[in-house]
Every structure is written in C-alpha cells, then in structure tokens.
Amino acid sequence: AQSILLPASVSSDARADYLEALKCYYDGCYRASAVMIRRFLEEVLAEKGFNDNSSLKSEIDKANKEGLLNDYMTQIAHGIRFLGNWGAHPNDDNLKDVTADDVEIALLLIKKLASSALMSGVS
C-alpha cells in the first residue's frame, strides 16, 4: 500500500497526477498508472524550470547537469521515463506485461525522488 503523503511543495496539478497514478494502481490499471507516474515526473521537473519543450530525456539530463538530480536519482528518473513511454506508445508495447510489483516499485521510487531531489535545490 502506498501513502499519499508528498512534500507540501508539490503543486496541486502534480499531486493530482500522483493521486491518479495511485488510483490506477489500486484499480489494477497498471499501464495507465505507469503513464501517470511519468506525467508526475514531467510536471515536477517543469515546475523546477526544466520545461523548454524538449524531450523528457533531455530535461532529466539537464536536471542532473545542473545539480538538481544526482546520478542515482537521474537513473531512477530515466527508468520512470522508460516505463511511462512504454505505456504511452503501443507500437513499442514493452509494457503489456507490466505487473503490480513493477508499478509499486515505480510509485515508491517517484515518491522518493520527489521527496528528496525534486523538492529542493534549483527553482
């Protein structure tokens, strides 16, 4: 079970994405949850100024280069990006076999990432 507690600095829009990811997870809609987890990541990065309409990959890399994300958190962010991409692009459907465990791990990691790196540092 996931806690919905996020840092107070998480915007209402990003919080809504996270809560929708949780709802999808609890409803057994794991691909939808994966996409919403990715959306949450993108929203929080944008709120930190990483939103120049380039790819999420480049935004994550810029956040790393500018010191917002350390190398470990950058790897987590890219893993979440991959998981969400798979859910959003059915012609590359590597997500068709996603499990509850896969999504639960992603939810834990995105919460850890948001609670540590993304809610402090560059703004």
Protein backbone atom coordinates (compact mmCIF):
# COMPACT_ATOMS: atom_id res chain seq x y z
CA ALA A 1 0.00 0.00 0.00
CA GLN A 2 1.19 3.49 -0.86
CA SER A 3 0.95 6.56 1.30
CA ILE A 4 -0.29 9.70 -0.44
CA LEU A 5 1.95 11.93 1.62
CA LEU A 6 4.06 14.11 -0.63
CA PRO A 7 6.09 17.19 0.26
CA ALA A 8 3.91 20.26 0.78
CA SER A 9 5.73 21.99 -2.07
CA VAL A 10 4.26 19.57 -4.65
CA SER A 11 1.75 21.58 -6.70
CA SER A 12 -1.90 20.62 -6.84
CA ASP A 13 -1.52 19.67 -10.54
CA ALA A 14 1.41 17.34 -9.85
CA ARG A 15 -0.32 15.96 -6.75
CA ALA A 16 -3.40 15.18 -8.88
CA ASP A 17 -1.20 13.22 -11.31
CA TYR A 18 0.33 11.22 -8.46
CA LEU A 19 -3.09 10.51 -6.94
CA GLU A 20 -4.40 9.38 -10.34
CA ALA A 21 -1.40 7.06 -10.67
CA LEU A 22 -2.30 5.58 -7.29
CA LYS A 23 -5.96 5.19 -8.24
CA CYS A 24 -4.99 3.43 -11.46
CA TYR A 25 -2.66 1.16 -9.50
CA TYR A 26 -5.35 0.23 -6.97
CA ASP A 27 -7.85 -0.35 -9.79
CA GLY A 28 -5.44 -2.76 -11.49
CA CYS A 29 -4.77 -0.40 -14.42
CA TYR A 30 -1.01 -0.74 -14.33
CA ARG A 31 -0.21 0.71 -17.76
CA ALA A 32 -2.31 3.78 -17.00
CA SER A 33 -0.57 4.11 -13.66
CA ALA A 34 2.85 3.96 -15.34
CA VAL A 35 1.88 6.77 -17.71
CA MET A 36 0.63 8.93 -14.83
CA ILE A 37 3.83 8.33 -12.85
CA ARG A 38 5.79 9.59 -15.85
CA ARG A 39 3.45 12.58 -16.14
CA PHE A 40 4.04 13.39 -12.46
CA LEU A 41 7.80 13.35 -13.06
CA GLU A 42 7.47 15.64 -16.06
CA GLU A 43 5.20 18.04 -14.16
CA VAL A 44 7.54 18.33 -11.19
CA LEU A 45 10.57 18.89 -13.43
CA ALA A 46 8.67 21.59 -15.33
CA GLU A 47 7.82 23.31 -12.06
CA LYS A 48 11.54 23.40 -11.31
CA GLY A 49 12.22 25.14 -14.61
CA PHE A 50 13.08 22.13 -16.75
CA ASN A 51 10.39 22.64 -19.36
CA ASP A 52 11.78 24.07 -22.58
CA ASN A 53 9.61 21.71 -24.66
CA SER A 54 12.47 19.38 -25.44
CA SER A 55 12.25 15.70 -24.61
CA LEU A 56 11.82 14.46 -21.06
CA LYS A 57 15.15 12.67 -21.51
CA SER A 58 16.94 15.95 -22.11
CA GLU A 59 15.11 17.64 -19.21
CA ILE A 60 16.24 14.86 -16.85
CA ASP A 61 19.80 15.13 -18.15
CA LYS A 62 19.75 18.92 -17.68
CA ALA A 63 18.46 18.50 -14.13
CA ASN A 64 21.42 16.20 -13.50
CA LYS A 65 23.92 18.54 -15.12
CA GLU A 66 22.61 21.49 -13.09
CA GLY A 67 22.81 19.55 -9.83
CA LEU A 68 19.13 19.03 -9.09
CA LEU A 69 19.39 15.26 -9.60
CA ASN A 70 22.39 13.23 -8.58
CA ASP A 71 23.42 10.31 -10.77
CA TYR A 72 21.35 7.79 -8.80
CA MET A 73 18.19 9.93 -8.95
CA THR A 74 18.83 10.52 -12.65
CA GLN A 75 18.83 6.76 -13.24
CA ILE A 76 15.54 6.48 -11.34
CA ALA A 77 14.04 9.30 -13.40
CA HIS A 78 15.11 7.67 -16.67
CA GLY A 79 13.65 4.34 -15.53
CA ILE A 80 10.32 6.03 -14.83
CA ARG A 81 10.53 7.80 -18.20
CA PHE A 82 11.02 4.45 -19.96
CA LEU A 83 8.15 2.82 -18.09
CA GLY A 84 5.79 5.67 -18.94
CA ASN A 85 6.93 5.80 -22.56
CA TRP A 86 6.11 2.13 -22.96
CA GLY A 87 2.62 2.74 -21.63
CA ALA A 88 2.02 5.69 -23.93
CA HIS A 89 3.30 4.15 -27.17
CA PRO A 90 1.53 0.89 -28.02
CA ASN A 91 3.55 0.22 -31.16
CA ASP A 92 6.54 -0.32 -28.85
CA ASP A 93 4.43 -2.17 -26.30
CA ASN A 94 7.05 -3.37 -23.88
CA LEU A 95 4.57 -2.60 -21.13
CA LYS A 96 1.93 -5.20 -22.00
CA ASP A 97 3.24 -7.49 -19.26
CA VAL A 98 3.69 -4.85 -16.55
CA THR A 99 2.86 -6.18 -13.11
CA ALA A 100 1.54 -4.66 -9.93
CA ASP A 101 5.04 -5.06 -8.49
CA ASP A 102 6.58 -3.06 -11.36
CA VAL A 103 4.22 -0.17 -10.76
CA GLU A 104 4.51 -0.35 -6.98
CA ILE A 105 8.29 -0.03 -7.29
CA ALA A 106 7.87 2.92 -9.67
CA LEU A 107 5.47 4.60 -7.24
CA LEU A 108 7.94 4.17 -4.39
CA LEU A 109 10.82 5.47 -6.48
CA ILE A 110 8.98 8.52 -7.83
CA LYS A 111 7.89 9.42 -4.31
CA LYS A 112 11.48 9.08 -3.09
CA LEU A 113 12.71 11.18 -5.99
CA ALA A 114 10.09 13.86 -5.38
CA SER A 115 10.70 13.90 -1.64
CA SER A 116 14.44 14.31 -1.96
CA ALA A 117 15.84 15.85 -5.10
CA LEU A 118 12.94 17.47 -6.89
CA MET A 119 11.50 19.34 -3.95
CA SER A 120 14.75 21.08 -3.07
CA GLY A 121 17.59 22.64 -4.97
CA VAL A 122 17.15 24.56 -8.18
CA SER A 123 13.95 26.54 -8.53
